[in-house]
Amino acid sequence: MCKKIIISLITILFFINIQIATSYSQETVTFEKSLNDFLQNDARLSNVLASVSVRSATTGELIYNYNGDTLLRPASNLKLLTAASALSALGKEYTFSTEIYTDGKLKGKNLKGNLYIKGKGDPALLRSDIDQIVHILKKQGIEKIHGDLIADDSWYDDVRYSIDLPWSDETMGYGAQISALTFAAKKHHDPGTVIVKVQPGKSVGKKALVTVEPHTEKIKIINETITVTEKGQNTLTINREHGTNTIVINGEILLNDEMIENSISVWEPTDFTLYLFKLSLKDHGIKLTEKMKRGATPTEATMLTKHSSKPLSQLIVPLMKLSNNAYAEMFTKEMGKKIHWEGNWEKGLEVIGAELEKLGLDPNQLFLRDGSGISHVNLISTNQISKLLYEIQRQEWFPLFFDSLPVAGSEDELEGGTLRYRLKGTSTYRNVHAKTGTLTTVSSISGYTKTKAGEILTFSIILNNLIDDYSGKSIEDQIVTILTK
């Protein structure tokens, strides 16, 4: 039996109670006293703004409310809103494309004119996909391009960062620049990033060994590391210099350390993707006579080939399981492009607001600044999130949404996602399907679970003003465990 069928059966079995239950049982509300005792007395919460909302997944009735109407920063729990809106506005079969055009003519094996690469927001374009596109061009008989290789990323605007992205995040994979023409270093990976791998040198005193995927001359590595004995301390830092594709690696790495992998964003993913196309042309024996540059595809240009992404139903898996920020922001811009013909954050967030209102949320109880939740200015209440999780169960795309949520304790990355090492207790293991969220001073988790009585709950937990970030996950796990016992 294939994995997709198994997951669908799990979804059906998890929600079968919805078809037969008429109200929540007395056993379900026995957690109220335990939750109150925990939230009011745990020392770790003394200076923390905590909010918890729990509803019956059968009736939508609010059965536990602790600061549930307080507007808080949700971190990546905001992706619940983005995913639901994208499925509603774009549809589960929606695909993103990369199109190749020319303004010239093919004469023999010579293309007399420019070659245009028009990106339409594919967040998962791999080097192998680029090679496949170029292979098709080769099969069409092209061996020499008498013109420029031109990148067209005009499908979206040229604003690369959401309005509140901290400058300190721009070097990291989760802070990648957003472009309609971008690439993914590997499957399910953050678009617009490269993977930097660092492992110890062969002996003490040697520099660490560094590799980058994909390997290109566009990335410059400054290696200022040293390998130290097992009694030393790992102090490695990996950063990209602002405005460049120079990656600086500093510090000490232990001789017995395993390989360290970091996702690092590139500066201007449009240019980097263009360069990958140039490399692929060279690898396929196609000569480019002129330059690489950016520009708009002429309306009269002829399409030579087109590559389509996997459908949205599959792309929401890395969005939700792995909390992929760039996917969320690209989906946001795509909603703006499809509905208002403007691929920018303003119009995309306008669509999200409208879709959420259709799905039963109060737009006056939301303040949205991006699609990923990386902004510290986003605001929503747990009561609104738990309500959304209840309302969307009637949507035909809901099983896909539910299957995209991380599953507690499942160590398969594309099933357990950000919950794969959490909630492995007897009552919670594989019984919690939820989206997590983390920012400095913020932690959140929202989703679905079953009680000991077999009743299904939607829940949302948001913690703000955490001085000790690491305590947030432990607090959440204890709250969720109380719900399931």
Protein backbone atom coordinates (compact mmCIF):
# COMPACT_ATOMS: atom_id res chain seq x y z
CA MET A 1 0.00 0.00 0.00
CA CYS A 2 1.52 3.33 -1.02
CA LYS A 3 2.41 5.98 1.55
CA LYS A 4 -0.20 8.45 0.22
CA ILE A 5 -3.01 5.92 0.74
CA ILE A 6 -1.75 5.11 4.25
CA ILE A 7 -1.70 8.81 5.17
CA SER A 8 -5.23 9.28 3.82
CA LEU A 9 -6.46 6.34 5.88
CA ILE A 10 -4.82 7.81 8.98
CA THR A 11 -6.66 11.07 8.29
CA ILE A 12 -10.00 9.27 7.93
CA LEU A 13 -9.46 7.23 11.10
CA PHE A 14 -8.35 10.30 13.05
CA PHE A 15 -11.49 12.21 12.10
CA ILE A 16 -14.04 9.40 12.08
CA ASN A 17 -15.41 10.65 15.42
CA ILE A 18 -16.59 13.82 13.70
CA GLN A 19 -19.14 11.75 11.80
CA ILE A 20 -20.65 10.14 14.90
CA ALA A 21 -20.13 12.52 17.83
CA THR A 22 -22.76 15.13 18.67
CA SER A 23 -21.11 16.93 21.58
CA TYR A 24 -17.97 16.86 23.69
CA SER A 25 -18.11 14.56 26.70
CA GLN A 26 -17.68 15.42 30.35
CA GLU A 27 -14.32 13.64 30.25
CA THR A 28 -13.08 16.13 27.65
CA VAL A 29 -13.39 19.11 29.97
CA THR A 30 -11.60 17.47 32.88
CA PHE A 31 -8.38 19.07 31.63
CA GLU A 32 -9.68 22.55 32.56
CA LYS A 33 -8.50 22.44 36.17
CA SER A 34 -5.15 20.88 35.23
CA LEU A 35 -4.55 23.54 32.57
CA ASN A 36 -5.47 26.37 34.91
CA ASP A 37 -3.16 25.03 37.62
CA PHE A 38 -0.30 24.69 35.15
CA LEU A 39 -0.75 28.06 33.43
CA GLN A 40 -1.18 29.97 36.66
CA ASN A 41 1.51 28.29 38.74
CA ASP A 42 4.39 27.17 36.51
CA ALA A 43 7.35 29.42 37.34
CA ARG A 44 8.50 29.54 33.72
CA LEU A 45 5.30 31.40 32.81
CA SER A 46 5.57 34.09 35.49
CA ASN A 47 6.53 36.84 33.02
CA VAL A 48 5.21 35.21 29.85
CA LEU A 49 2.06 36.19 27.99
CA ALA A 50 0.40 32.82 27.36
CA SER A 51 -2.76 32.11 25.39
CA VAL A 52 -4.55 28.78 24.94
CA SER A 53 -7.71 28.07 22.96
CA VAL A 54 -9.38 24.65 22.66
CA ARG A 55 -12.49 23.78 20.67
CA SER A 56 -14.51 20.70 19.94
CA ALA A 57 -13.59 19.68 16.39
CA THR A 58 -17.13 18.29 16.09
CA THR A 59 -19.17 21.34 17.05
CA GLY A 60 -16.68 24.21 17.05
CA GLU A 61 -17.70 25.02 20.62
CA LEU A 62 -15.02 26.85 22.60
CA ILE A 63 -14.34 24.55 25.56
CA TYR A 64 -11.21 26.16 26.99
CA ASN A 65 -10.15 29.78 26.75
CA TYR A 66 -7.11 31.29 28.46
CA ASN A 67 -6.39 34.78 27.10
CA GLY A 68 -7.88 33.44 23.88
CA ASP A 69 -8.87 36.83 22.45
CA THR A 70 -5.50 38.49 23.12
CA LEU A 71 -3.67 39.43 19.92
CA LEU A 72 -0.20 37.86 19.93
CA ARG A 73 2.72 37.26 17.61
CA PRO A 74 2.11 33.78 16.11
CA ALA A 75 5.54 33.08 14.52
CA SER A 76 5.19 30.27 11.95
CA ASN A 77 1.68 29.38 13.10
CA LEU A 78 0.82 32.09 10.58
CA LYS A 79 1.56 29.51 7.87
CA LEU A 80 -1.71 27.81 8.83
CA LEU A 81 -3.47 30.89 7.47
CA THR A 82 -1.27 31.10 4.37
CA ALA A 83 -1.70 27.42 3.48
CA ALA A 84 -5.47 27.50 3.93
CA SER A 85 -5.74 30.71 1.88
CA ALA A 86 -3.54 29.34 -0.91
CA LEU A 87 -5.56 26.13 -1.18
CA SER A 88 -8.75 28.18 -1.24
CA ALA A 89 -7.62 30.93 -3.63
CA LEU A 90 -5.31 29.00 -5.96
CA GLY A 91 -6.68 25.47 -5.74
CA LYS A 92 -4.96 22.20 -4.92
CA GLU A 93 -3.96 21.51 -8.56
CA TYR A 94 -2.30 24.90 -9.07
CA THR A 95 1.22 24.78 -10.52
CA PHE A 96 4.07 27.26 -10.97
CA SER A 97 6.04 27.42 -14.19
CA THR A 98 9.38 28.32 -15.72
CA GLU A 99 9.05 29.25 -19.38
CA ILE A 100 11.67 29.61 -22.11
CA TYR A 101 11.13 32.08 -24.95
CA THR A 102 13.05 33.51 -27.87
CA ASP A 103 12.64 36.64 -29.94
CA GLY A 104 14.62 35.07 -32.77
CA LYS A 105 14.46 32.17 -35.21
CA LEU A 106 16.22 28.81 -35.35
CA LYS A 107 18.29 28.52 -38.51
CA GLY A 108 19.91 25.13 -38.72
CA LYS A 109 21.57 24.65 -35.32
CA ASN A 110 21.83 28.39 -34.67
CA LEU A 111 19.28 30.37 -32.67
CA LYS A 112 19.42 33.87 -34.11
CA GLY A 113 18.13 35.90 -31.19
CA ASN A 114 17.93 36.14 -27.42
CA LEU A 115 16.86 33.35 -25.06
CA TYR A 116 14.53 34.42 -22.21
CA ILE A 117 14.00 32.52 -18.96
CA LYS A 118 10.69 33.67 -17.51
CA GLY A 119 10.15 32.64 -13.89
CA LYS A 120 6.59 32.33 -12.62
CA GLY A 121 7.22 31.62 -8.97
CA ASP A 122 8.31 27.97 -8.88
CA PRO A 123 9.79 27.56 -5.38
CA ALA A 124 11.13 24.08 -6.08
CA LEU A 125 13.12 24.47 -9.32
CA LEU A 126 16.11 22.10 -9.05
CA ARG A 127 19.35 22.01 -11.01
CA SER A 128 18.06 18.74 -12.50
CA ASP A 129 14.95 20.59 -13.71
CA ILE A 130 17.15 23.21 -15.35
CA ASP A 131 19.11 20.44 -17.03
CA GLN A 132 15.86 18.90 -18.28
CA ILE A 133 14.77 22.24 -19.75
CA VAL A 134 18.12 22.70 -21.51
CA HIS A 135 18.03 19.07 -22.72
CA ILE A 136 14.76 19.87 -24.50
CA LEU A 137 16.37 22.91 -26.14
CA LYS A 138 19.22 20.67 -27.29
CA LYS A 139 16.72 18.17 -28.75
CA GLN A 140 15.09 21.03 -30.64
CA GLY A 141 18.40 21.40 -32.46
CA ILE A 142 19.90 24.42 -30.71
CA GLU A 143 23.69 24.30 -30.50
CA LYS A 144 24.53 28.00 -30.61
CA ILE A 145 22.67 31.06 -29.32
CA HIS A 146 23.48 34.25 -31.21
CA GLY A 147 22.15 36.56 -28.55
CA ASP A 148 21.85 37.17 -24.83
CA LEU A 149 20.62 34.86 -22.09
CA ILE A 150 18.03 36.97 -20.27
CA ALA A 151 16.41 36.34 -16.89
CA ASP A 152 12.83 37.62 -16.52
CA ASP A 153 11.61 37.73 -12.90
CA SER A 154 8.91 40.36 -13.53
CA TRP A 155 6.07 37.97 -12.56
CA TYR A 156 6.59 39.32 -9.02
CA ASP A 157 7.79 42.73 -7.94
CA ASP A 158 11.47 43.30 -7.16
CA VAL A 159 11.05 43.67 -3.37
CA ARG A 160 13.19 40.83 -2.05
CA TYR A 161 12.41 40.94 1.67
CA SER A 162 9.16 41.21 3.57
CA ILE A 163 8.82 44.49 5.43
CA ASP A 164 9.88 43.32 8.90
CA LEU A 165 12.56 40.73 8.12
CA PRO A 166 15.43 41.40 10.57
CA TRP A 167 18.73 42.25 8.93
CA SER A 168 20.34 39.54 11.06
CA ASP A 169 18.21 36.88 9.32
CA GLU A 170 19.04 37.75 5.73
CA THR A 171 22.07 35.46 5.56
CA MET A 172 20.18 32.41 6.82
CA GLY A 173 18.21 29.98 4.67
CA TYR A 174 14.96 30.93 6.37
CA GLY A 175 15.57 34.57 5.39
CA ALA A 176 16.10 34.00 1.68
CA GLN A 177 15.28 36.67 -0.89
CA ILE A 178 12.03 36.25 -2.81
CA SER A 179 12.13 36.21 -6.61
CA ALA A 180 9.81 34.81 -9.27
CA LEU A 181 12.89 33.14 -10.78
CA THR A 182 14.71 31.17 -8.11
CA PHE A 183 16.08 27.69 -7.46
CA ALA A 184 16.24 25.04 -4.77
CA ALA A 185 19.55 23.47 -3.77
CA LYS A 186 17.82 20.14 -3.22
CA LYS A 187 14.33 18.68 -3.02
CA HIS A 188 12.12 20.23 -0.31
CA HIS A 189 14.85 22.77 0.43
CA ASP A 190 14.58 26.51 0.94
CA PRO A 191 14.56 28.27 -2.45
CA GLY A 192 17.21 30.89 -3.04
CA THR A 193 19.78 29.17 -0.86
CA VAL A 194 22.88 27.03 -1.09
CA ILE A 195 23.89 24.26 1.29
CA VAL A 196 27.23 24.80 3.00
CA LYS A 197 28.81 21.60 4.36
CA VAL A 198 31.65 21.82 6.86
CA GLN A 199 33.61 18.88 8.25
CA PRO A 200 36.82 18.66 10.32
CA GLY A 201 40.20 18.84 8.67
CA LYS A 202 42.22 15.62 8.46
CA SER A 203 44.29 16.54 11.50
CA VAL A 204 44.49 19.05 14.35
CA GLY A 205 45.57 22.48 13.11
CA LYS A 206 44.17 21.99 9.61
CA LYS A 207 41.36 24.08 8.16
CA ALA A 208 37.91 22.54 8.00
CA LEU A 209 36.84 21.02 4.68
CA VAL A 210 34.09 23.07 3.05
CA THR A 211 31.80 22.20 0.14
CA VAL A 212 28.83 24.06 -1.33
CA GLU A 213 25.77 22.72 -3.17
CA PRO A 214 25.23 23.63 -5.90
CA HIS A 215 28.91 24.22 -6.58
CA THR A 216 29.47 27.30 -8.74
CA GLU A 217 31.99 30.09 -9.15
CA LYS A 218 29.26 32.52 -8.04
CA ILE A 219 29.91 31.55 -4.42
CA LYS A 220 33.18 32.67 -2.83
CA ILE A 221 34.24 30.91 0.38
CA ILE A 222 36.53 32.53 2.94
CA ASN A 223 37.64 29.70 5.21
CA GLU A 224 39.01 31.00 8.51
CA THR A 225 38.54 27.80 10.50
CA ILE A 226 40.82 25.47 12.41
CA THR A 227 40.41 21.88 13.51
CA VAL A 228 41.03 21.34 17.24
CA THR A 229 41.25 18.35 19.56
CA GLU A 230 38.20 16.57 20.98
CA LYS A 231 38.73 18.52 24.23
CA GLY A 232 38.14 21.84 22.47
CA GLN A 233 34.86 23.55 21.67
CA ASN A 234 32.95 23.94 18.41
CA THR A 235 32.70 27.69 17.73
CA LEU A 236 31.88 27.64 14.01
CA THR A 237 29.95 30.53 12.49
CA ILE A 238 28.78 30.68 8.87
CA ASN A 239 27.67 34.01 7.41
CA ARG A 240 27.25 35.64 4.03
CA GLU A 241 28.60 39.16 3.64
CA HIS A 242 25.82 41.65 2.95
CA GLY A 243 25.33 42.49 -0.71
CA THR A 244 27.60 39.71 -1.93
CA ASN A 245 27.79 35.96 -2.41
CA THR A 246 30.89 35.73 -0.24
CA ILE A 247 30.41 33.25 2.61
CA VAL A 248 32.74 33.58 5.58
CA ILE A 249 33.29 30.59 7.88
CA ASN A 250 35.01 31.28 11.18
CA GLY A 251 35.88 29.38 14.34
CA GLU A 252 36.98 26.00 15.61
CA ILE A 253 35.63 22.56 14.72
CA LEU A 254 36.38 19.43 16.71
CA LEU A 255 38.41 16.67 15.08
CA ASN A 256 35.70 14.10 15.82
CA ASP A 257 32.75 16.29 14.82
CA GLU A 258 30.27 15.06 12.24
CA MET A 259 29.61 17.09 9.09
CA ILE A 260 27.70 20.31 9.74
CA GLU A 261 25.19 21.50 7.11
CA ASN A 262 23.80 25.02 6.96
CA SER A 263 21.37 26.58 4.52
CA ILE A 264 22.68 30.01 3.50
CA SER A 265 20.74 32.44 1.33
CA VAL A 266 22.24 33.84 -1.86
CA TRP A 267 22.32 37.46 -2.88
CA GLU A 268 19.95 37.97 -5.84
CA PRO A 269 18.59 34.47 -6.62
CA THR A 270 17.51 35.65 -10.09
CA ASP A 271 21.14 36.16 -11.10
CA PHE A 272 22.19 32.89 -9.48
CA THR A 273 19.47 30.95 -11.33
CA LEU A 274 20.51 32.62 -14.59
CA TYR A 275 24.06 31.45 -13.95
CA LEU A 276 22.85 27.87 -13.37
CA PHE A 277 21.14 27.99 -16.76
CA LYS A 278 24.37 29.19 -18.36
CA LEU A 279 26.29 26.29 -16.77
CA SER A 280 23.68 23.84 -18.01
CA LEU A 281 23.89 25.24 -21.54
CA LYS A 282 27.64 24.73 -21.44
CA ASP A 283 27.28 21.17 -20.07
CA HIS A 284 24.91 20.35 -22.94
CA GLY A 285 27.26 21.74 -25.57
CA ILE A 286 25.17 24.83 -26.35
CA LYS A 287 27.33 27.91 -26.93
CA LEU A 288 26.19 31.35 -25.79
CA THR A 289 27.76 34.11 -27.88
CA GLU A 290 26.61 37.15 -25.92
CA LYS A 291 25.96 38.14 -22.30
CA MET A 292 23.78 37.20 -19.33
CA LYS A 293 21.45 39.91 -18.10
CA ARG A 294 17.97 40.65 -16.80
CA GLY A 295 15.07 41.92 -18.86
CA ALA A 296 11.41 41.52 -19.75
CA THR A 297 10.24 38.91 -22.24
CA PRO A 298 8.78 40.60 -25.34
CA THR A 299 5.07 39.98 -25.84
CA GLU A 300 5.73 38.71 -29.37
CA ALA A 301 8.39 36.20 -28.24
CA THR A 302 7.89 32.50 -29.05
CA MET A 303 7.75 29.92 -26.26
CA LEU A 304 10.22 27.07 -26.80
CA THR A 305 9.45 24.96 -23.73
CA LYS A 306 7.86 25.11 -20.30
CA HIS A 307 8.55 23.36 -17.00
CA SER A 308 5.73 23.05 -14.46
CA SER A 309 6.14 22.47 -10.75
CA LYS A 310 4.37 19.84 -8.72
CA PRO A 311 0.83 20.89 -7.76
CA LEU A 312 0.14 23.01 -4.71
CA SER A 313 -1.23 19.91 -2.95
CA GLN A 314 2.34 18.58 -2.82
CA LEU A 315 4.15 21.89 -2.35
CA ILE A 316 2.29 22.61 0.90
CA VAL A 317 4.08 19.61 2.45
CA PRO A 318 7.51 21.30 2.79
CA LEU A 319 5.72 24.56 3.59
CA MET A 320 4.05 23.03 6.64
CA LYS A 321 6.18 20.05 7.64
CA LEU A 322 9.48 21.92 7.35
CA SER A 323 8.11 25.43 7.94
CA ASN A 324 9.61 26.77 4.72
CA ASN A 325 9.46 30.58 4.89
CA ALA A 326 10.25 31.28 1.23
CA TYR A 327 7.46 28.95 0.08
CA ALA A 328 5.03 30.91 2.27
CA GLU A 329 6.13 34.28 0.88
CA MET A 330 6.07 33.06 -2.73
CA PHE A 331 2.57 31.64 -2.26
CA THR A 332 1.55 35.01 -0.83
CA LYS A 333 2.84 36.91 -3.84
CA GLU A 334 1.29 34.32 -6.18
CA MET A 335 -2.14 34.89 -4.64
CA GLY A 336 -1.73 38.60 -5.30
CA LYS A 337 -0.69 37.87 -8.88
CA LYS A 338 -3.58 35.52 -9.62
CA ILE A 339 -6.38 37.53 -8.01
CA HIS A 340 -5.20 41.13 -8.50
CA TRP A 341 -2.53 40.65 -11.19
CA GLU A 342 0.09 42.16 -8.88
CA GLY A 343 2.73 39.83 -7.46
CA ASN A 344 3.56 41.68 -4.28
CA TRP A 345 3.06 41.36 -0.53
CA GLU A 346 0.38 44.05 -0.32
CA LYS A 347 -1.97 42.36 -2.78
CA GLY A 348 -1.11 38.87 -1.58
CA LEU A 349 -1.96 39.73 2.03
CA GLU A 350 -5.17 41.36 0.80
CA VAL A 351 -6.15 38.02 -0.75
CA ILE A 352 -5.24 36.12 2.43
CA GLY A 353 -7.44 38.47 4.46
CA ALA A 354 -10.36 37.99 2.07
CA GLU A 355 -10.00 34.20 2.01
CA LEU A 356 -9.80 34.00 5.80
CA GLU A 357 -12.99 36.04 6.07
CA LYS A 358 -14.69 33.54 3.74
CA LEU A 359 -13.43 30.77 6.01
CA GLY A 360 -15.07 32.33 9.05
CA LEU A 361 -12.37 34.51 10.64
CA ASP A 362 -12.89 38.09 11.77
CA PRO A 363 -10.60 40.36 9.70
CA ASN A 364 -10.69 42.93 12.51
CA GLN A 365 -8.91 40.41 14.74
CA LEU A 366 -5.90 40.01 12.40
CA PHE A 367 -2.85 42.09 11.54
CA LEU A 368 -0.77 40.51 8.78
CA ARG A 369 2.63 41.69 7.53
CA ASP A 370 3.89 38.59 5.70
CA GLY A 371 2.95 35.04 4.79
CA SER A 372 5.56 33.14 6.80
CA GLY A 373 5.22 34.59 10.31
CA ILE A 374 8.80 35.84 10.47
CA SER A 375 7.57 39.35 11.31
CA HIS A 376 7.29 40.36 14.96
CA VAL A 377 4.43 42.65 13.94
CA ASN A 378 1.96 39.94 12.83
CA LEU A 379 -0.92 39.60 15.30
CA ILE A 380 -3.67 37.02 15.77
CA SER A 381 -5.48 35.40 18.69
CA THR A 382 -5.54 31.71 19.56
CA ASN A 383 -9.35 31.77 19.45
CA GLN A 384 -9.16 32.80 15.79
CA ILE A 385 -6.66 30.05 14.97
CA SER A 386 -8.63 27.31 16.72
CA LYS A 387 -11.75 28.54 14.90
CA LEU A 388 -9.98 28.40 11.53
CA LEU A 389 -8.92 24.82 12.24
CA TYR A 390 -12.54 23.94 12.96
CA GLU A 391 -14.07 25.78 9.99
CA ILE A 392 -11.76 24.40 7.28
CA GLN A 393 -12.78 20.80 8.00
CA ARG A 394 -15.73 21.27 5.62
CA GLN A 395 -13.46 22.26 2.69
CA GLU A 396 -12.80 19.62 0.04
CA TRP A 397 -9.06 20.28 0.29
CA PHE A 398 -8.99 19.74 4.05
CA PRO A 399 -7.51 16.19 3.95
CA LEU A 400 -4.49 17.64 2.07
CA PHE A 401 -4.15 20.41 4.64
CA PHE A 402 -4.37 17.95 7.52
CA ASP A 403 -1.81 15.59 5.96
CA SER A 404 0.62 18.50 5.58
CA LEU A 405 0.78 19.09 9.35
CA PRO A 406 3.74 17.67 11.30
CA VAL A 407 2.93 14.45 13.17
CA ALA A 408 4.19 14.20 16.74
CA GLY A 409 7.05 11.76 17.26
CA SER A 410 7.32 10.48 13.67
CA GLU A 411 11.03 10.68 12.83
CA ASP A 412 10.38 10.60 9.08
CA GLU A 413 11.20 14.20 8.16
CA LEU A 414 8.36 14.49 5.66
CA GLU A 415 5.83 13.13 8.13
CA GLY A 416 7.03 14.32 11.53
CA GLY A 417 8.55 17.55 10.25
CA THR A 418 9.20 20.01 13.06
CA LEU A 419 7.47 17.65 15.54
CA ARG A 420 9.56 14.60 14.75
CA TYR A 421 11.50 14.72 18.03
CA ARG A 422 8.68 16.02 20.22
CA LEU A 423 5.62 14.68 22.04
CA LYS A 424 6.67 11.03 22.09
CA GLY A 425 4.67 10.29 25.22
CA THR A 426 2.09 7.54 25.40
CA SER A 427 -0.89 9.85 24.92
CA THR A 428 0.67 12.14 22.32
CA TYR A 429 2.81 9.95 20.02
CA ARG A 430 1.37 10.28 16.48
CA ASN A 431 -1.79 11.64 18.13
CA VAL A 432 -0.92 15.32 17.62
CA HIS A 433 -1.02 16.87 14.13
CA ALA A 434 0.08 20.47 14.48
CA LYS A 435 2.05 23.40 13.09
CA THR A 436 4.85 24.77 15.23
CA GLY A 437 6.30 28.26 15.35
CA THR A 438 9.45 29.88 16.72
CA LEU A 439 10.81 33.41 16.85
CA THR A 440 13.04 35.08 19.41
CA THR A 441 10.81 35.39 22.53
CA VAL A 442 7.92 33.60 20.74
CA SER A 443 6.79 29.97 20.58
CA SER A 444 3.55 28.49 19.24
CA ILE A 445 1.80 25.28 18.27
CA SER A 446 -1.69 24.79 16.84
CA GLY A 447 -3.49 21.80 15.39
CA TYR A 448 -5.57 18.74 16.17
CA THR A 449 -5.45 16.01 18.79
CA LYS A 450 -7.61 13.30 20.38
CA THR A 451 -8.48 13.07 24.04
CA LYS A 452 -8.35 9.87 26.06
CA ALA A 453 -12.13 9.67 25.53
CA GLY A 454 -11.53 9.61 21.78
CA GLU A 455 -12.81 13.11 21.08
CA ILE A 456 -11.10 15.37 18.60
CA LEU A 457 -10.00 18.87 19.55
CA THR A 458 -8.65 21.83 17.66
CA PHE A 459 -6.19 23.79 19.78
CA SER A 460 -3.90 26.77 19.60
CA ILE A 461 -1.12 27.75 22.01
CA ILE A 462 0.91 30.94 21.68
CA LEU A 463 3.60 32.10 24.11
CA ASN A 464 5.01 35.62 23.86
CA ASN A 465 7.74 37.43 25.85
CA LEU A 466 9.75 34.28 26.49
CA ILE A 467 13.16 35.21 27.87
CA ASP A 468 14.20 31.56 27.73
CA ASP A 469 13.25 30.52 24.19
CA TYR A 470 14.04 26.87 24.84
CA SER A 471 11.46 26.57 27.61
CA GLY A 472 8.63 27.37 25.22
CA LYS A 473 8.56 23.96 23.55
CA SER A 474 8.58 22.14 26.88
CA ILE A 475 5.70 24.30 28.12
CA GLU A 476 3.70 23.62 24.96
CA ASP A 477 4.34 19.89 25.17
CA GLN A 478 3.06 19.81 28.75
CA ILE A 479 -0.10 21.68 27.77
CA VAL A 480 -0.78 19.37 24.82
CA THR A 481 -0.15 16.32 27.03
CA ILE A 482 -2.74 17.59 29.53
CA LEU A 483 -5.24 17.83 26.66
CA THR A 484 -4.70 14.22 25.60
CA LYS A 485 -4.73 12.51 29.00
